Amino acid sequence: QVPLVESGGGLVQPGGSLRLSCAASSRFFSVYTMGWYRQAPGTERELVALITSAYITKYVDSVKGRFTISRDNAKNTVYLQMNNLKHEDTAVYYCYGKKFGDNLASWGQGTQVTVSS
């Protein structure tokens, strides 16, 4: 497993934007599939977006066209650019990382995103 540290959460008005960052402490970062999950109170954790080592991306339908996941292998960092935020995007967002052969995924500590007027 690899230590993951998120940053960038906060309070934003509907329609606003935030960018989350997740820094990984691993020299093998480039081979990791990285992603973002979120969990709102009383709900299960859900996949928001992921990006593979080949830069293939996947998004949950509710964020398509609004969120963009990207990675910078030189900085061992994955980003989630969130635009046109909605009330229903309010959740704790968790960074995820896993490489082929790992039995367990790595998780960050979570960062709160609150969308409210």
Protein backbone atom coordinates (compact mmCIF):
# COMPACT_ATOMS: atom_id res chain seq x y z
CA GLN A 1 0.00 0.00 0.00
CA VAL A 2 1.04 3.58 -0.62
CA PRO A 3 0.39 6.64 1.55
CA LEU A 4 -2.07 9.04 -0.11
CA VAL A 5 -2.66 12.61 1.05
CA GLU A 6 -5.62 14.62 -0.29
CA SER A 7 -6.08 18.36 -0.32
CA GLY A 8 -8.34 20.94 -1.90
CA GLY A 9 -11.73 20.33 -0.34
CA GLY A 10 -13.88 23.07 1.11
CA LEU A 11 -17.12 25.00 0.91
CA VAL A 12 -18.33 26.26 -2.45
CA GLN A 13 -21.56 27.68 -3.81
CA PRO A 14 -23.62 25.80 -6.40
CA GLY A 15 -22.13 26.33 -9.83
CA GLY A 16 -18.67 26.86 -8.39
CA SER A 17 -15.47 24.90 -8.87
CA LEU A 18 -12.91 23.08 -6.77
CA ARG A 19 -9.80 21.09 -7.56
CA LEU A 20 -8.82 18.16 -5.39
CA SER A 21 -5.26 16.88 -5.29
CA CYS A 22 -3.88 13.58 -4.06
CA ALA A 23 -0.16 13.09 -3.57
CA ALA A 24 1.23 9.57 -3.44
CA SER A 25 4.47 8.51 -1.80
CA SER A 26 5.62 5.85 -4.22
CA ARG A 27 8.29 5.67 -6.93
CA PHE A 28 5.94 3.32 -8.76
CA PHE A 29 3.14 5.90 -9.01
CA SER A 30 3.05 5.78 -12.80
CA VAL A 31 1.82 2.18 -12.83
CA TYR A 32 -1.01 2.81 -10.38
CA THR A 33 -4.64 3.10 -11.32
CA MET A 34 -5.76 6.15 -9.36
CA GLY A 35 -9.23 7.34 -8.58
CA TRP A 36 -11.64 9.32 -6.47
CA TYR A 37 -14.53 7.96 -4.48
CA ARG A 38 -17.03 9.87 -2.40
CA GLN A 39 -19.36 9.14 0.46
CA ALA A 40 -22.26 11.26 1.61
CA PRO A 41 -23.89 10.72 5.04
CA GLY A 42 -26.11 7.65 5.04
CA THR A 43 -24.90 6.42 1.66
CA GLU A 44 -22.38 3.91 0.40
CA ARG A 45 -19.02 4.98 -0.95
CA GLU A 46 -19.23 5.38 -4.72
CA LEU A 47 -16.67 5.64 -7.49
CA VAL A 48 -16.54 9.14 -8.96
CA ALA A 49 -13.69 8.86 -11.45
CA LEU A 50 -10.58 6.85 -12.13
CA ILE A 51 -7.57 7.03 -14.41
CA THR A 52 -5.36 4.12 -15.37
CA SER A 53 -1.63 4.06 -15.98
CA ALA A 54 -2.50 4.33 -19.69
CA TYR A 55 -4.54 7.48 -19.00
CA ILE A 56 -7.84 5.75 -19.66
CA THR A 57 -10.54 7.52 -17.67
CA LYS A 58 -13.92 6.49 -16.32
CA TYR A 59 -16.62 8.59 -14.66
CA VAL A 60 -19.86 7.98 -12.87
CA ASP A 61 -22.72 9.27 -15.01
CA SER A 62 -23.70 12.01 -12.58
CA VAL A 63 -20.37 13.86 -13.01
CA LYS A 64 -19.72 13.37 -16.72
CA GLY A 65 -19.10 16.72 -18.41
CA ARG A 66 -18.48 18.46 -15.07
CA PHE A 67 -15.54 16.64 -13.46
CA THR A 68 -12.15 15.85 -14.97
CA ILE A 69 -9.58 13.47 -13.52
CA SER A 70 -5.93 13.86 -14.48
CA ARG A 71 -2.52 12.77 -13.28
CA ASP A 72 0.99 14.15 -13.22
CA ASN A 73 3.41 11.27 -12.86
CA ALA A 74 6.36 13.63 -12.42
CA LYS A 75 4.67 14.95 -9.26
CA ASN A 76 3.13 11.63 -8.14
CA THR A 77 -0.20 13.44 -8.01
CA VAL A 78 -3.72 12.85 -9.25
CA TYR A 79 -6.25 15.66 -9.57
CA LEU A 80 -10.01 15.98 -9.73
CA GLN A 81 -11.22 19.21 -11.30
CA MET A 82 -14.85 19.72 -10.31
CA ASN A 83 -16.89 22.34 -12.17
CA ASN A 84 -20.54 23.35 -11.99
CA LEU A 85 -20.82 21.79 -8.55
CA LYS A 86 -24.25 20.81 -7.28
CA HIS A 87 -25.71 20.26 -3.81
CA GLU A 88 -25.67 16.51 -4.45
CA ASP A 89 -21.88 16.57 -4.89
CA THR A 90 -21.54 17.24 -1.17
CA ALA A 91 -19.56 14.36 0.35
CA VAL A 92 -16.24 13.27 1.73
CA TYR A 93 -13.97 12.57 -1.22
CA TYR A 94 -11.38 9.81 -0.93
CA CYS A 95 -8.34 9.23 -3.09
CA TYR A 96 -7.78 5.64 -4.22
CA GLY A 97 -4.76 3.89 -5.63
CA LYS A 98 -4.03 0.34 -6.70
CA LYS A 99 -1.53 -1.35 -8.96
CA PHE A 100 -1.62 -4.73 -10.60
CA GLY A 101 -0.78 -7.44 -8.11
CA ASP A 102 -1.81 -5.49 -5.01
CA ASN A 103 -4.14 -7.41 -2.73
CA LEU A 104 -5.45 -4.24 -1.16
CA ALA A 105 -6.04 -0.74 -2.46
CA SER A 106 -4.64 2.35 -0.80
CA TRP A 107 -6.93 5.08 0.50
CA GLY A 108 -6.44 8.65 1.57
CA GLN A 109 -7.90 10.11 4.74
CA GLY A 110 -10.68 11.94 2.89
CA THR A 111 -11.42 15.59 2.23
CA GLN A 112 -14.80 17.25 2.75
CA VAL A 113 -16.52 18.97 -0.16
CA THR A 114 -19.62 20.96 0.74
CA VAL A 115 -21.76 22.63 -1.91
CA SER A 116 -24.10 25.12 -0.31
CA SER A 117 -25.46 28.59 -0.84
